[in-house]
N, C-alpha and C. Protein backbone atom coordinates (compact mmCIF):
# COMPACT_ATOMS: atom_id res chain seq x y z
N MET A 1 0.84 -1.17 0.00
CA MET A 1 0.00 0.00 0.00
C MET A 1 0.88 1.23 0.00
N LEU A 2 0.64 2.09 -0.94
CA LEU A 2 1.37 3.36 -1.05
C LEU A 2 0.37 4.49 -0.81
N ILE A 3 0.69 5.35 0.11
CA ILE A 3 -0.14 6.53 0.38
C ILE A 3 0.75 7.73 0.11
N HIS A 4 0.32 8.55 -0.84
CA HIS A 4 1.14 9.68 -1.27
C HIS A 4 0.35 10.98 -1.12
N GLY A 5 0.98 11.98 -0.51
CA GLY A 5 0.37 13.30 -0.41
C GLY A 5 0.64 14.10 -1.68
N ARG A 6 -0.41 14.69 -2.23
CA ARG A 6 -0.27 15.44 -3.47
C ARG A 6 0.76 16.58 -3.35
N ASP A 7 0.90 17.14 -2.16
CA ASP A 7 1.82 18.26 -1.95
C ASP A 7 3.16 17.83 -1.35
N ASP A 8 3.47 16.54 -1.43
CA ASP A 8 4.72 16.01 -0.87
C ASP A 8 5.92 16.62 -1.60
N ARG A 9 6.82 17.24 -0.84
CA ARG A 9 8.04 17.82 -1.42
C ARG A 9 9.26 16.95 -1.15
N VAL A 10 9.07 15.83 -0.45
CA VAL A 10 10.18 14.95 -0.10
C VAL A 10 10.29 13.80 -1.11
N VAL A 11 9.15 13.16 -1.38
CA VAL A 11 9.10 12.04 -2.33
C VAL A 11 8.23 12.47 -3.51
N SER A 12 8.75 12.36 -4.71
CA SER A 12 7.99 12.78 -5.89
C SER A 12 6.87 11.79 -6.20
N PHE A 13 5.84 12.28 -6.84
CA PHE A 13 4.73 11.42 -7.25
C PHE A 13 5.22 10.36 -8.23
N GLU A 14 6.19 10.72 -9.05
CA GLU A 14 6.76 9.76 -10.00
C GLU A 14 7.38 8.57 -9.29
N THR A 15 7.96 8.80 -8.12
CA THR A 15 8.53 7.70 -7.34
C THR A 15 7.44 6.75 -6.89
N SER A 16 6.32 7.29 -6.45
CA SER A 16 5.19 6.43 -6.05
C SER A 16 4.65 5.66 -7.25
N LEU A 17 4.59 6.31 -8.41
CA LEU A 17 4.13 5.62 -9.62
C LEU A 17 5.09 4.50 -10.01
N TYR A 18 6.39 4.74 -9.85
CA TYR A 18 7.39 3.72 -10.13
C TYR A 18 7.19 2.51 -9.20
N LEU A 19 7.01 2.78 -7.91
CA LEU A 19 6.79 1.69 -6.97
C LEU A 19 5.51 0.93 -7.29
N LEU A 20 4.46 1.66 -7.64
CA LEU A 20 3.20 1.02 -8.01
C LEU A 20 3.38 0.06 -9.18
N ALA A 21 4.17 0.48 -10.15
CA ALA A 21 4.39 -0.34 -11.34
C ALA A 21 5.31 -1.53 -11.07
N ASN A 22 6.13 -1.45 -10.03
CA ASN A 22 7.15 -2.47 -9.82
C ASN A 22 6.97 -3.32 -8.56
N VAL A 23 6.02 -3.00 -7.73
CA VAL A 23 5.74 -3.82 -6.54
C VAL A 23 4.46 -4.60 -6.82
N PRO A 24 4.57 -5.92 -6.89
CA PRO A 24 3.39 -6.74 -7.19
C PRO A 24 2.26 -6.51 -6.18
N ASN A 25 1.05 -6.48 -6.68
CA ASN A 25 -0.17 -6.34 -5.87
C ASN A 25 -0.19 -5.07 -5.03
N SER A 26 0.49 -4.03 -5.50
CA SER A 26 0.49 -2.77 -4.75
C SER A 26 -0.72 -1.94 -5.11
N ARG A 27 -0.99 -0.99 -4.26
CA ARG A 27 -2.12 -0.07 -4.44
C ARG A 27 -1.63 1.31 -4.04
N LEU A 28 -2.03 2.33 -4.81
CA LEU A 28 -1.62 3.71 -4.54
C LEU A 28 -2.84 4.57 -4.26
N VAL A 29 -2.76 5.33 -3.17
CA VAL A 29 -3.81 6.30 -2.83
C VAL A 29 -3.14 7.67 -2.78
N LEU A 30 -3.71 8.62 -3.49
CA LEU A 30 -3.21 9.99 -3.52
C LEU A 30 -4.12 10.86 -2.67
N LEU A 31 -3.55 11.51 -1.66
CA LEU A 31 -4.34 12.37 -0.77
C LEU A 31 -4.15 13.83 -1.14
N ASN A 32 -5.26 14.53 -1.34
CA ASN A 32 -5.23 15.97 -1.62
C ASN A 32 -4.92 16.75 -0.36
N ARG A 33 -4.39 17.96 -0.53
CA ARG A 33 -4.04 18.85 0.59
C ARG A 33 -3.24 18.11 1.65
N CYS A 34 -2.21 17.39 1.18
CA CYS A 34 -1.40 16.58 2.07
C CYS A 34 0.05 16.61 1.60
N GLY A 35 0.95 16.78 2.55
CA GLY A 35 2.38 16.75 2.24
C GLY A 35 2.97 15.38 2.50
N HIS A 36 4.15 15.35 3.11
CA HIS A 36 4.88 14.11 3.31
C HIS A 36 4.38 13.29 4.50
N TRP A 37 3.71 13.90 5.44
CA TRP A 37 3.32 13.23 6.68
C TRP A 37 1.83 12.90 6.69
N ALA A 38 1.40 12.04 5.81
CA ALA A 38 -0.02 11.68 5.69
C ALA A 38 -0.60 11.18 7.01
N MET A 39 0.17 10.41 7.75
CA MET A 39 -0.33 9.85 9.00
C MET A 39 -0.57 10.90 10.07
N ILE A 40 0.07 12.06 9.92
CA ILE A 40 -0.12 13.15 10.86
C ILE A 40 -1.12 14.17 10.32
N GLU A 41 -1.05 14.45 9.02
CA GLU A 41 -1.90 15.45 8.41
C GLU A 41 -3.35 14.97 8.23
N HIS A 42 -3.52 13.67 8.01
CA HIS A 42 -4.85 13.09 7.79
C HIS A 42 -4.94 11.75 8.55
N PRO A 43 -4.84 11.79 9.89
CA PRO A 43 -4.74 10.54 10.65
C PRO A 43 -5.95 9.61 10.51
N GLU A 44 -7.15 10.15 10.51
CA GLU A 44 -8.34 9.28 10.42
C GLU A 44 -8.40 8.58 9.07
N GLU A 45 -8.18 9.31 8.00
CA GLU A 45 -8.21 8.71 6.66
C GLU A 45 -7.06 7.71 6.50
N PHE A 46 -5.89 8.08 6.99
CA PHE A 46 -4.73 7.20 6.91
C PHE A 46 -5.00 5.88 7.63
N ASN A 47 -5.50 5.96 8.86
CA ASN A 47 -5.78 4.76 9.64
C ASN A 47 -6.85 3.90 8.98
N CYS A 48 -7.86 4.52 8.42
CA CYS A 48 -8.90 3.78 7.70
C CYS A 48 -8.32 3.05 6.49
N LEU A 49 -7.51 3.74 5.71
CA LEU A 49 -6.89 3.13 4.53
C LEU A 49 -6.02 1.94 4.90
N VAL A 50 -5.19 2.11 5.91
CA VAL A 50 -4.30 1.04 6.33
C VAL A 50 -5.10 -0.12 6.92
N GLY A 51 -6.09 0.19 7.74
CA GLY A 51 -6.94 -0.85 8.33
C GLY A 51 -7.65 -1.67 7.25
N ASP A 52 -8.23 -0.99 6.27
CA ASP A 52 -8.92 -1.68 5.17
C ASP A 52 -7.95 -2.53 4.36
N PHE A 53 -6.76 -2.01 4.12
CA PHE A 53 -5.76 -2.74 3.35
C PHE A 53 -5.36 -4.02 4.06
N ILE A 54 -5.11 -3.91 5.37
CA ILE A 54 -4.72 -5.09 6.14
C ILE A 54 -5.87 -6.10 6.23
N ALA A 55 -7.08 -5.62 6.43
CA ALA A 55 -8.23 -6.51 6.54
C ALA A 55 -8.50 -7.27 5.25
N ASN A 56 -8.15 -6.67 4.14
CA ASN A 56 -8.42 -7.31 2.84
C ASN A 56 -7.19 -7.92 2.20
N ALA A 57 -6.10 -8.00 2.95
CA ALA A 57 -4.86 -8.56 2.39
C ALA A 57 -4.90 -10.08 2.34
């Protein structure tokens, strides 16, 4: 599971796309109005995404 903030200045979106293309069974979620710290900037959404991913793995 890849969670990428649209406003991330640390990791480029292209890097997340590369990982998505090269990690088998991966999934990418892009969060709007979010920088590098998705788990801090959007904790409820982040926890929901991770919880759903683990439950359905």
